Amino acid sequence: YRRFTERYGDFLNVSLLTGVSRIHIPETRVNARRSMKS
């Protein structure tokens, strides 16, 4: 996700879909776009 965003983020929407973490703390969640229409 980071690689694609850095390379193509200027002209393409990139999203991340990894499911729900079993450990709900801020450090486990990556700050990322989550849209299924990317």
PDB file of all heavy atoms in Angstrom:
ATOM      1  N   TYR A   1       0.838  -1.206   0.000  1.00  0.00           N
ATOM      2  CA  TYR A   1       0.000   0.000   0.000  1.00  0.00           C
ATOM      3  C   TYR A   1       0.869   1.250   0.000  1.00  0.00           C
ATOM      4  O   TYR A   1       0.629   2.197  -0.776  1.00  0.00           O
ATOM      5  CB  TYR A   1      -0.922  -0.004   1.221  1.00  0.00           C
ATOM      6  CG  TYR A   1      -1.667   1.303   1.401  1.00  0.00           C
ATOM      7  CD1 TYR A   1      -2.753   1.628   0.589  1.00  0.00           C
ATOM      8  CD2 TYR A   1      -1.261   2.227   2.370  1.00  0.00           C
ATOM      9  CE1 TYR A   1      -3.426   2.842   0.742  1.00  0.00           C
ATOM     10  CE2 TYR A   1      -1.922   3.437   2.520  1.00  0.00           C
ATOM     11  CZ  TYR A   1      -3.003   3.734   1.704  1.00  0.00           C
ATOM     12  OH  TYR A   1      -3.656   4.933   1.844  1.00  0.00           O
ATOM     13  N   ARG A   2       1.891   1.289   0.843  1.00  0.00           N
ATOM     14  CA  ARG A   2       2.767   2.469   0.885  1.00  0.00           C
ATOM     15  C   ARG A   2       3.494   2.642  -0.448  1.00  0.00           C
ATOM     16  O   ARG A   2       3.624   3.762  -0.954  1.00  0.00           O
ATOM     17  CB  ARG A   2       3.779   2.325   2.025  1.00  0.00           C
ATOM     18  CG  ARG A   2       3.174   2.493   3.413  1.00  0.00           C
ATOM     19  CD  ARG A   2       4.260   2.734   4.463  1.00  0.00           C
ATOM     20  NE  ARG A   2       5.156   1.598   4.586  1.00  0.00           N
ATOM     21  CZ  ARG A   2       4.923   0.558   5.369  1.00  0.00           C
ATOM     22  NH1 ARG A   2       3.820   0.500   6.089  1.00  0.00           N
ATOM     23  NH2 ARG A   2       5.806  -0.427   5.448  1.00  0.00           N
ATOM     24  N   ARG A   3       3.956   1.527  -1.019  1.00  0.00           N
ATOM     25  CA  ARG A   3       4.683   1.599  -2.287  1.00  0.00           C
ATOM     26  C   ARG A   3       3.786   2.142  -3.399  1.00  0.00           C
ATOM     27  O   ARG A   3       4.186   3.036  -4.155  1.00  0.00           O
ATOM     28  CB  ARG A   3       5.201   0.211  -2.665  1.00  0.00           C
ATOM     29  CG  ARG A   3       5.784   0.147  -4.072  1.00  0.00           C
ATOM     30  CD  ARG A   3       6.338  -1.222  -4.387  1.00  0.00           C
ATOM     31  NE  ARG A   3       6.608  -1.384  -5.804  1.00  0.00           N
ATOM     32  CZ  ARG A   3       7.273  -2.394  -6.319  1.00  0.00           C
ATOM     33  NH1 ARG A   3       7.749  -3.338  -5.543  1.00  0.00           N
ATOM     34  NH2 ARG A   3       7.464  -2.478  -7.622  1.00  0.00           N
ATOM     35  N   PHE A   4       2.572   1.606  -3.526  1.00  0.00           N
ATOM     36  CA  PHE A   4       1.672   2.048  -4.593  1.00  0.00           C
ATOM     37  C   PHE A   4       1.234   3.492  -4.390  1.00  0.00           C
ATOM     38  O   PHE A   4       1.091   4.250  -5.352  1.00  0.00           O
ATOM     39  CB  PHE A   4       0.451   1.137  -4.664  1.00  0.00           C
ATOM     40  CG  PHE A   4       0.756  -0.274  -5.100  1.00  0.00           C
ATOM     41  CD1 PHE A   4      -0.160  -1.292  -4.905  1.00  0.00           C
ATOM     42  CD2 PHE A   4       1.964  -0.597  -5.699  1.00  0.00           C
ATOM     43  CE1 PHE A   4       0.109  -2.588  -5.303  1.00  0.00           C
ATOM     44  CE2 PHE A   4       2.257  -1.893  -6.101  1.00  0.00           C
ATOM     45  CZ  PHE A   4       1.325  -2.895  -5.897  1.00  0.00           C
ATOM     46  N   THR A   5       1.022   3.868  -3.137  1.00  0.00           N
ATOM     47  CA  THR A   5       0.598   5.242  -2.851  1.00  0.00           C
ATOM     48  C   THR A   5       1.692   6.227  -3.215  1.00  0.00           C
ATOM     49  O   THR A   5       1.442   7.283  -3.805  1.00  0.00           O
ATOM     50  CB  THR A   5       0.228   5.381  -1.371  1.00  0.00           C
ATOM     51  OG1 THR A   5      -0.821   4.456  -1.049  1.00  0.00           O
ATOM     52  CG2 THR A   5      -0.260   6.795  -1.062  1.00  0.00           C
ATOM     53  N   GLU A   6       2.932   5.909  -2.837  1.00  0.00           N
ATOM     54  CA  GLU A   6       4.058   6.802  -3.148  1.00  0.00           C
ATOM     55  C   GLU A   6       4.265   6.941  -4.655  1.00  0.00           C
ATOM     56  O   GLU A   6       4.554   8.027  -5.153  1.00  0.00           O
ATOM     57  CB  GLU A   6       5.338   6.263  -2.493  1.00  0.00           C
ATOM     58  CG  GLU A   6       5.334   6.377  -0.979  1.00  0.00           C
ATOM     59  CD  GLU A   6       6.473   5.584  -0.339  1.00  0.00           C
ATOM     60  OE1 GLU A   6       7.257   4.969  -1.104  1.00  0.00           O
ATOM     61  OE2 GLU A   6       6.569   5.554   0.908  1.00  0.00           O
ATOM     62  N   ARG A   7       4.095   5.856  -5.382  1.00  0.00           N
ATOM     63  CA  ARG A   7       4.339   5.888  -6.823  1.00  0.00           C
ATOM     64  C   ARG A   7       3.181   6.476  -7.620  1.00  0.00           C
ATOM     65  O   ARG A   7       3.370   7.292  -8.522  1.00  0.00           O
ATOM     66  CB  ARG A   7       4.633   4.472  -7.343  1.00  0.00           C
ATOM     67  CG  ARG A   7       6.014   3.969  -7.003  1.00  0.00           C
ATOM     68  CD  ARG A   7       6.287   2.681  -7.746  1.00  0.00           C
ATOM     69  NE  ARG A   7       7.659   2.214  -7.532  1.00  0.00           N
ATOM     70  CZ  ARG A   7       8.184   1.139  -8.110  1.00  0.00           C
ATOM     71  NH1 ARG A   7       7.458   0.421  -8.936  1.00  0.00           N
ATOM     72  NH2 ARG A   7       9.431   0.788  -7.879  1.00  0.00           N
ATOM     73  N   TYR A   8       1.970   6.023  -7.310  1.00  0.00           N
ATOM     74  CA  TYR A   8       0.835   6.322  -8.185  1.00  0.00           C
ATOM     75  C   TYR A   8      -0.259   7.153  -7.520  1.00  0.00           C
ATOM     76  O   TYR A   8      -1.294   7.415  -8.141  1.00  0.00           O
ATOM     77  CB  TYR A   8       0.232   5.001  -8.693  1.00  0.00           C
ATOM     78  CG  TYR A   8       1.266   4.014  -9.181  1.00  0.00           C
ATOM     79  CD1 TYR A   8       1.368   2.731  -8.650  1.00  0.00           C
ATOM     80  CD2 TYR A   8       2.175   4.370 -10.179  1.00  0.00           C
ATOM     81  CE1 TYR A   8       2.324   1.824  -9.092  1.00  0.00           C
ATOM     82  CE2 TYR A   8       3.150   3.476 -10.630  1.00  0.00           C
ATOM     83  CZ  TYR A   8       3.218   2.205 -10.079  1.00  0.00           C
ATOM     84  OH  TYR A   8       4.182   1.321 -10.516  1.00  0.00           O
ATOM     85  N   GLY A   9      -0.013   7.560  -6.277  1.00  0.00           N
ATOM     86  CA  GLY A   9      -1.046   8.283  -5.537  1.00  0.00           C
ATOM     87  C   GLY A   9      -1.452   9.614  -6.146  1.00  0.00           C
ATOM     88  O   GLY A   9      -2.545  10.116  -5.870  1.00  0.00           O
ATOM     89  N   ASP A  10      -0.610  10.198  -6.988  1.00  0.00           N
ATOM     90  CA  ASP A  10      -0.935  11.494  -7.594  1.00  0.00           C
ATOM     91  C   ASP A  10      -2.014  11.378  -8.661  1.00  0.00           C
ATOM     92  O   ASP A  10      -2.704  12.357  -8.965  1.00  0.00           O
ATOM     93  CB  ASP A  10       0.322  12.125  -8.216  1.00  0.00           C
ATOM     94  CG  ASP A  10       1.316  12.584  -7.159  1.00  0.00           C
ATOM     95  OD1 ASP A  10       0.894  12.743  -5.991  1.00  0.00           O
ATOM     96  OD2 ASP A  10       2.498  12.768  -7.497  1.00  0.00           O
ATOM     97  N   PHE A  11      -2.175  10.210  -9.273  1.00  0.00           N
ATOM     98  CA  PHE A  11      -3.176  10.088 -10.339  1.00  0.00           C
ATOM     99  C   PHE A  11      -4.089   8.872 -10.191  1.00  0.00           C
ATOM    100  O   PHE A  11      -4.980   8.660 -11.006  1.00  0.00           O
ATOM    101  CB  PHE A  11      -2.483  10.052 -11.718  1.00  0.00           C
ATOM    102  CG  PHE A  11      -1.507   8.931 -11.911  1.00  0.00           C
ATOM    103  CD1 PHE A  11      -1.885   7.748 -12.514  1.00  0.00           C
ATOM    104  CD2 PHE A  11      -0.188   9.059 -11.491  1.00  0.00           C
ATOM    105  CE1 PHE A  11      -0.983   6.716 -12.703  1.00  0.00           C
ATOM    106  CE2 PHE A  11       0.725   8.032 -11.674  1.00  0.00           C
ATOM    107  CZ  PHE A  11       0.334   6.858 -12.284  1.00  0.00           C
ATOM    108  N   LEU A  12      -3.885   8.066  -9.145  1.00  0.00           N
ATOM    109  CA  LEU A  12      -4.766   6.936  -8.871  1.00  0.00           C
ATOM    110  C   LEU A  12      -5.116   6.893  -7.389  1.00  0.00           C
ATOM    111  O   LEU A  12      -4.282   7.211  -6.537  1.00  0.00           O
ATOM    112  CB  LEU A  12      -4.083   5.614  -9.261  1.00  0.00           C
ATOM    113  CG  LEU A  12      -3.806   5.357 -10.740  1.00  0.00           C
ATOM    114  CD1 LEU A  12      -2.981   4.081 -10.901  1.00  0.00           C
ATOM    115  CD2 LEU A  12      -5.094   5.248 -11.542  1.00  0.00           C
ATOM    116  N   ASN A  13      -6.351   6.498  -7.082  1.00  0.00           N
ATOM    117  CA  ASN A  13      -6.752   6.300  -5.694  1.00  0.00           C
ATOM    118  C   ASN A  13      -6.330   4.902  -5.257  1.00  0.00           C
ATOM    119  O   ASN A  13      -6.622   3.923  -5.945  1.00  0.00           O
ATOM    120  CB  ASN A  13      -8.272   6.439  -5.540  1.00  0.00           C
ATOM    121  CG  ASN A  13      -8.743   7.856  -5.804  1.00  0.00           C
ATOM    122  OD1 ASN A  13      -8.078   8.815  -5.417  1.00  0.00           O
ATOM    123  ND2 ASN A  13      -9.885   7.997  -6.463  1.00  0.00           N
ATOM    124  N   VAL A  14      -5.646   4.833  -4.120  1.00  0.00           N
ATOM    125  CA  VAL A  14      -5.170   3.546  -3.600  1.00  0.00           C
ATOM    126  C   VAL A  14      -5.793   3.308  -2.235  1.00  0.00           C
ATOM    127  O   VAL A  14      -5.781   4.202  -1.377  1.00  0.00           O
ATOM    128  CB  VAL A  14      -3.632   3.508  -3.477  1.00  0.00           C
ATOM    129  CG1 VAL A  14      -3.163   2.128  -3.026  1.00  0.00           C
ATOM    130  CG2 VAL A  14      -2.972   3.881  -4.794  1.00  0.00           C
ATOM    131  N   SER A  15      -6.357   2.114  -2.022  1.00  0.00           N
ATOM    132  CA  SER A  15      -6.985   1.774  -0.745  1.00  0.00           C
ATOM    133  C   SER A  15      -6.345   0.531  -0.142  1.00  0.00           C
ATOM    134  O   SER A  15      -5.690  -0.257  -0.842  1.00  0.00           O
ATOM    135  CB  SER A  15      -8.486   1.532  -0.925  1.00  0.00           C
ATOM    136  OG  SER A  15      -9.183   2.734  -1.029  1.00  0.00           O
ATOM    137  N   LEU A  16      -6.589   0.366   1.147  1.00  0.00           N
ATOM    138  CA  LEU A  16      -6.066  -0.777   1.899  1.00  0.00           C
ATOM    139  C   LEU A  16      -7.220  -1.502   2.558  1.00  0.00           C
ATOM    140  O   LEU A  16      -8.067  -0.880   3.199  1.00  0.00           O
ATOM    141  CB  LEU A  16      -5.074  -0.294   2.965  1.00  0.00           C
ATOM    142  CG  LEU A  16      -4.421  -1.356   3.853  1.00  0.00           C
ATOM    143  CD1 LEU A  16      -3.519  -2.267   3.032  1.00  0.00           C
ATOM    144  CD2 LEU A  16      -3.621  -0.694   4.975  1.00  0.00           C
ATOM    145  N   LEU A  17      -7.284  -2.816   2.397  1.00  0.00           N
ATOM    146  CA  LEU A  17      -8.341  -3.620   3.005  1.00  0.00           C
ATOM    147  C   LEU A  17      -7.715  -4.840   3.656  1.00  0.00           C
ATOM    148  O   LEU A  17      -7.324  -5.794   2.974  1.00  0.00           O
ATOM    149  CB  LEU A  17      -9.367  -4.054   1.955  1.00  0.00           C
ATOM    150  CG  LEU A  17     -10.569  -4.844   2.479  1.00  0.00           C
ATOM    151  CD1 LEU A  17     -11.383  -3.993   3.439  1.00  0.00           C
ATOM    152  CD2 LEU A  17     -11.440  -5.317   1.326  1.00  0.00           C
ATOM    153  N   THR A  18      -7.589  -4.798   4.974  1.00  0.00           N
ATOM    154  CA  THR A  18      -6.941  -5.904   5.690  1.00  0.00           C
ATOM    155  C   THR A  18      -7.829  -6.529   6.749  1.00  0.00           C
ATOM    156  O   THR A  18      -7.368  -7.329   7.544  1.00  0.00           O
ATOM    157  CB  THR A  18      -5.648  -5.409   6.367  1.00  0.00           C
ATOM    158  OG1 THR A  18      -5.960  -4.314   7.236  1.00  0.00           O
ATOM    159  CG2 THR A  18      -4.639  -4.976   5.334  1.00  0.00           C
ATOM    160  N   GLY A  19      -9.091  -6.181   6.771  1.00  0.00           N
ATOM    161  CA  GLY A  19      -9.966  -6.745   7.780  1.00  0.00           C
ATOM    162  C   GLY A  19      -9.833  -6.009   9.093  1.00  0.00           C
ATOM    163  O   GLY A  19      -9.120  -5.012   9.219  1.00  0.00           O
ATOM    164  N   VAL A  20     -10.507  -6.518  10.101  1.00  0.00           N
ATOM    165  CA  VAL A  20     -10.535  -5.880  11.415  1.00  0.00           C
ATOM    166  C   VAL A  20      -9.483  -6.505  12.311  1.00  0.00           C
ATOM    167  O   VAL A  20      -9.407  -7.717  12.439  1.00  0.00           O
ATOM    168  CB  VAL A  20     -11.931  -6.022  12.068  1.00  0.00           C
ATOM    169  CG1 VAL A  20     -11.946  -5.370  13.437  1.00  0.00           C
ATOM    170  CG2 VAL A  20     -13.001  -5.424  11.164  1.00  0.00           C
ATOM    171  N   SER A  21      -8.653  -5.674  12.927  1.00  0.00           N
ATOM    172  CA  SER A  21      -7.629  -6.174  13.849  1.00  0.00           C
ATOM    173  C   SER A  21      -8.277  -6.709  15.110  1.00  0.00           C
ATOM    174  O   SER A  21      -9.253  -6.155  15.617  1.00  0.00           O
ATOM    175  CB  SER A  21      -6.649  -5.056  14.213  1.00  0.00           C
ATOM    176  OG  SER A  21      -5.748  -5.503  15.195  1.00  0.00           O
ATOM    177  N   ARG A  22      -7.726  -7.782  15.633  1.00  0.00           N
ATOM    178  CA  ARG A  22      -8.230  -8.351  16.882  1.00  0.00           C
ATOM    179  C   ARG A  22      -7.770  -7.552  18.086  1.00  0.00           C
ATOM    180  O   ARG A  22      -8.286  -7.698  19.180  1.00  0.00           O
ATOM    181  CB  ARG A  22      -7.773  -9.807  17.012  1.00  0.00           C
ATOM    182  CG  ARG A  22      -8.436 -10.737  16.012  1.00  0.00           C
ATOM    183  CD  ARG A  22      -7.870 -12.136  16.089  1.00  0.00           C
ATOM    184  NE  ARG A  22      -6.501 -12.171  15.611  1.00  0.00           N
ATOM    185  CZ  ARG A  22      -5.745 -13.264  15.611  1.00  0.00           C
ATOM    186  NH1 ARG A  22      -6.207 -14.387  16.088  1.00  0.00           N
ATOM    187  NH2 ARG A  22      -4.508 -13.221  15.153  1.00  0.00           N
ATOM    188  N   ILE A  23      -6.775  -6.689  17.902  1.00  0.00           N
ATOM    189  CA  ILE A  23      -6.264  -5.869  19.004  1.00  0.00           C
ATOM    190  C   ILE A  23      -6.595  -4.412  18.697  1.00  0.00           C
ATOM    191  O   ILE A  23      -6.041  -3.823  17.776  1.00  0.00           O
ATOM    192  CB  ILE A  23      -4.747  -6.044  19.171  1.00  0.00           C
ATOM    193  CG1 ILE A  23      -4.409  -7.516  19.344  1.00  0.00           C
ATOM    194  CG2 ILE A  23      -4.237  -5.229  20.346  1.00  0.00           C
ATOM    195  CD1 ILE A  23      -2.926  -7.796  19.387  1.00  0.00           C
ATOM    196  N   HIS A  24      -7.503  -3.843  19.433  1.00  0.00           N
ATOM    197  CA  HIS A  24      -7.994  -2.503  19.120  1.00  0.00           C
ATOM    198  C   HIS A  24      -7.176  -1.441  19.854  1.00  0.00           C
ATOM    199  O   HIS A  24      -7.584  -0.908  20.880  1.00  0.00           O
ATOM    200  CB  HIS A  24      -9.479  -2.392  19.490  1.00  0.00           C
ATOM    201  CG  HIS A  24     -10.357  -3.273  18.656  1.00  0.00           C
ATOM    202  ND1 HIS A  24     -10.719  -2.977  17.364  1.00  0.00           N
ATOM    203  CD2 HIS A  24     -10.906  -4.482  18.927  1.00  0.00           C
ATOM    204  CE1 HIS A  24     -11.485  -3.945  16.875  1.00  0.00           C
ATOM    205  NE2 HIS A  24     -11.597  -4.869  17.813  1.00  0.00           N
ATOM    206  N   ILE A  25      -5.984  -1.163  19.340  1.00  0.00           N
ATOM    207  CA  ILE A  25      -5.177  -0.057  19.847  1.00  0.00           C
ATOM    208  C   ILE A  25      -4.736   0.763  18.642  1.00  0.00           C
ATOM    209  O   ILE A  25      -4.611   0.237  17.534  1.00  0.00           O
ATOM    210  CB  ILE A  25      -3.953  -0.561  20.649  1.00  0.00           C
ATOM    211  CG1 ILE A  25      -3.097  -1.514  19.800  1.00  0.00           C
ATOM    212  CG2 ILE A  25      -4.382  -1.225  21.941  1.00  0.00           C
ATOM    213  CD1 ILE A  25      -1.826  -1.967  20.493  1.00  0.00           C
ATOM    214  N   PRO A  26      -4.499   2.058  18.808  1.00  0.00           N
ATOM    215  CA  PRO A  26      -4.171   2.917  17.668  1.00  0.00           C
ATOM    216  C   PRO A  26      -2.968   2.432  16.876  1.00  0.00           C
ATOM    217  O   PRO A  26      -2.910   2.587  15.656  1.00  0.00           O
ATOM    218  CB  PRO A  26      -3.884   4.275  18.329  1.00  0.00           C
ATOM    219  CG  PRO A  26      -4.652   4.244  19.612  1.00  0.00           C
ATOM    220  CD  PRO A  26      -4.616   2.825  20.067  1.00  0.00           C
ATOM    221  N   GLU A  27      -1.973   1.820  17.553  1.00  0.00           N
ATOM    222  CA  GLU A  27      -0.749   1.432  16.865  1.00  0.00           C
ATOM    223  C   GLU A  27      -0.955   0.312  15.855  1.00  0.00           C
ATOM    224  O   GLU A  27      -0.137   0.091  14.982  1.00  0.00           O
ATOM    225  CB  GLU A  27       0.313   0.981  17.892  1.00  0.00           C
ATOM    226  CG  GLU A  27       0.874   2.098  18.748  1.00  0.00           C
ATOM    227  CD  GLU A  27      -0.043   2.443  19.914  1.00  0.00           C
ATOM    228  OE1 GLU A  27      -1.111   1.793  20.051  1.00  0.00           O
ATOM    229  OE2 GLU A  27       0.309   3.360  20.667  1.00  0.00           O
ATOM    230  N   THR A  28      -2.071  -0.447  15.987  1.00  0.00           N
ATOM    231  CA  THR A  28      -2.274  -1.576  15.083  1.00  0.00           C
ATOM    232  C   THR A  28      -2.938  -1.164  13.780  1.00  0.00           C
ATOM    233  O   THR A  28      -3.002  -1.946  12.840  1.00  0.00           O
ATOM    234  CB  THR A  28      -3.148  -2.652  15.759  1.00  0.00           C
ATOM    235  OG1 THR A  28      -4.444  -2.097  16.029  1.00  0.00           O
ATOM    236  CG2 THR A  28      -2.517  -3.141  17.044  1.00  0.00           C
ATOM    237  N   ARG A  29      -3.426   0.047  13.721  1.00  0.00           N
ATOM    238  CA  ARG A  29      -4.148   0.481  12.528  1.00  0.00           C
ATOM    239  C   ARG A  29      -3.320   1.465  11.713  1.00  0.00           C
ATOM    240  O   ARG A  29      -2.875   2.492  12.218  1.00  0.00           O
ATOM    241  CB  ARG A  29      -5.486   1.119  12.925  1.00  0.00           C
ATOM    242  CG  ARG A  29      -6.372   1.455  11.730  1.00  0.00           C
ATOM    243  CD  ARG A  29      -7.749   1.895  12.186  1.00  0.00           C
ATOM    244  NE  ARG A  29      -8.599   2.284  11.068  1.00  0.00           N
ATOM    245  CZ  ARG A  29      -9.312   1.450  10.328  1.00  0.00           C
ATOM    246  NH1 ARG A  29      -9.257   0.167  10.593  1.00  0.00           N
ATOM    247  NH2 ARG A  29     -10.059   1.884   9.335  1.00  0.00           N
ATOM    248  N   VAL A  30      -3.147   1.144  10.439  1.00  0.00           N
ATOM    249  CA  VAL A  30      -2.399   2.007   9.537  1.00  0.00           C
ATOM    250  C   VAL A  30      -3.319   3.107   9.028  1.00  0.00           C
ATOM    251  O   VAL A  30      -4.474   2.865   8.679  1.00  0.00           O
ATOM    252  CB  VAL A  30      -1.849   1.186   8.351  1.00  0.00           C
ATOM    253  CG1 VAL A  30      -1.179   2.091   7.332  1.00  0.00           C
ATOM    254  CG2 VAL A  30      -0.885   0.130   8.856  1.00  0.00           C
ATOM    255  N   ASN A  31      -2.819   4.323   9.006  1.00  0.00           N
ATOM    256  CA  ASN A  31      -3.597   5.447   8.487  1.00  0.00           C
ATOM    257  C   ASN A  31      -3.650   5.323   6.970  1.00  0.00           C
ATOM    258  O   ASN A  31      -2.676   5.596   6.270  1.00  0.00           O
ATOM    259  CB  ASN A  31      -2.943   6.769   8.896  1.00  0.00           C
ATOM    260  CG  ASN A  31      -3.763   7.964   8.467  1.00  0.00           C
ATOM    261  OD1 ASN A  31      -4.963   7.837   8.203  1.00  0.00           O
ATOM    262  ND2 ASN A  31      -3.126   9.124   8.382  1.00  0.00           N
ATOM    263  N   ALA A  32      -4.795   4.872   6.448  1.00  0.00           N
ATOM    264  CA  ALA A  32      -4.890   4.579   5.015  1.00  0.00           C
ATOM    265  C   ALA A  32      -6.315   4.806   4.521  1.00  0.00           C
ATOM    266  O   ALA A  32      -7.279   4.776   5.283  1.00  0.00           O
ATOM    267  CB  ALA A  32      -4.484   3.137   4.744  1.00  0.00           C
ATOM    268  N   ARG A  33      -6.428   5.027   3.230  1.00  0.00           N
ATOM    269  CA  ARG A  33      -7.731   5.108   2.580  1.00  0.00           C
ATOM    270  C   ARG A  33      -8.336   3.703   2.581  1.00  0.00           C
ATOM    271  O   ARG A  33      -7.649   2.718   2.306  1.00  0.00           O
ATOM    272  CB  ARG A  33      -7.550   5.627   1.149  1.00  0.00           C
ATOM    273  CG  ARG A  33      -8.824   5.733   0.327  1.00  0.00           C
ATOM    274  CD  ARG A  33      -8.475   6.109  -1.111  1.00  0.00           C
ATOM    275  NE  ARG A  33      -9.649   6.071  -1.964  1.00  0.00           N
ATOM    276  CZ  ARG A  33     -10.416   7.124  -2.236  1.00  0.00           C
ATOM    277  NH1 ARG A  33     -10.096   8.317  -1.735  1.00  0.00           N
ATOM    278  NH2 ARG A  33     -11.462   7.005  -3.022  1.00  0.00           N
ATOM    279  N   ARG A  34      -9.664   3.601   2.856  1.00  0.00           N
ATOM    280  CA  ARG A  34     -10.298   2.291   2.991  1.00  0.00           C
ATOM    281  C   ARG A  34     -11.455   2.079   2.020  1.00  0.00           C
ATOM    282  O   ARG A  34     -12.190   1.108   2.144  1.00  0.00           O
ATOM    283  CB  ARG A  34     -10.821   2.113   4.419  1.00  0.00           C
ATOM    284  CG  ARG A  34      -9.762   2.321   5.504  1.00  0.00           C
ATOM    285  CD  ARG A  34      -8.948   1.099   5.744  1.00  0.00           C
ATOM    286  NE  ARG A  34      -7.827   1.366   6.663  1.00  0.00           N
ATOM    287  CZ  ARG A  34      -7.033   0.436   7.143  1.00  0.00           C
ATOM    288  NH1 ARG A  34      -7.219  -0.819   6.804  1.00  0.00           N
ATOM    289  NH2 ARG A  34      -6.041   0.746   7.941  1.00  0.00           N
ATOM    290  N   SER A  35     -11.619   2.927   1.048  1.00  0.00           N
ATOM    291  CA  SER A  35     -12.754   2.836   0.132  1.00  0.00           C
ATOM    292  C   SER A  35     -12.648   1.610  -0.771  1.00  0.00           C
ATOM    293  O   SER A  35     -11.577   1.293  -1.291  1.00  0.00           O
ATOM    294  CB  SER A  35     -12.839   4.097  -0.731  1.00  0.00           C
ATOM    295  OG  SER A  35     -13.802   3.941  -1.745  1.00  0.00           O
ATOM    296  N   MET A  36     -13.795   0.947  -0.999  1.00  0.00           N
ATOM    297  CA  MET A  36     -13.834  -0.193  -1.902  1.00  0.00           C
ATOM    298  C   MET A  36     -14.059   0.231  -3.349  1.00  0.00           C
ATOM    299  O   MET A  36     -14.209  -0.607  -4.232  1.00  0.00           O
ATOM    300  CB  MET A  36     -14.931  -1.171  -1.471  1.00  0.00           C
ATOM    301  CG  MET A  36     -14.615  -1.914  -0.187  1.00  0.00           C
ATOM    302  SD  MET A  36     -13.097  -2.903  -0.325  1.00  0.00           S
ATOM    303  CE  MET A  36     -13.607  -4.119  -1.533  1.00  0.00           C
ATOM    304  N   LYS A  37     -14.083   1.536  -3.581  1.00  0.00           N
ATOM    305  CA  LYS A  37     -14.288   2.038  -4.940  1.00  0.00           C
ATOM    306  C   LYS A  37     -13.015   2.668  -5.506  1.00  0.00           C
ATOM    307  O   LYS A  37     -13.070   3.426  -6.464  1.00  0.00           O
ATOM    308  CB  LYS A  37     -15.425   3.053  -4.951  1.00  0.00           C
ATOM    309  CG  LYS A  37     -16.782   2.461  -4.579  1.00  0.00           C
ATOM    310  CD  LYS A  37     -17.885   3.504  -4.645  1.00  0.00           C
ATOM    311  CE  LYS A  37     -19.239   2.889  -4.279  1.00  0.00           C
ATOM    312  NZ  LYS A  37     -20.318   3.894  -4.344  1.00  0.00           N
ATOM    313  N   SER A  38     -11.885   2.347  -4.919  1.00  0.00           N
ATOM    314  CA  SER A  38     -10.615   2.923  -5.364  1.00  0.00           C
ATOM    315  C   SER A  38     -10.116   2.251  -6.637  1.00  0.00           C
ATOM    316  O   SER A  38     -10.562   1.155  -7.011  1.00  0.00           O
ATOM    317  CB  SER A  38      -9.562   2.795  -4.269  1.00  0.00           C
ATOM    318  OG  SER A  38      -9.895   3.599  -3.160  1.00  0.00           O
TER     319      SER A  38
END
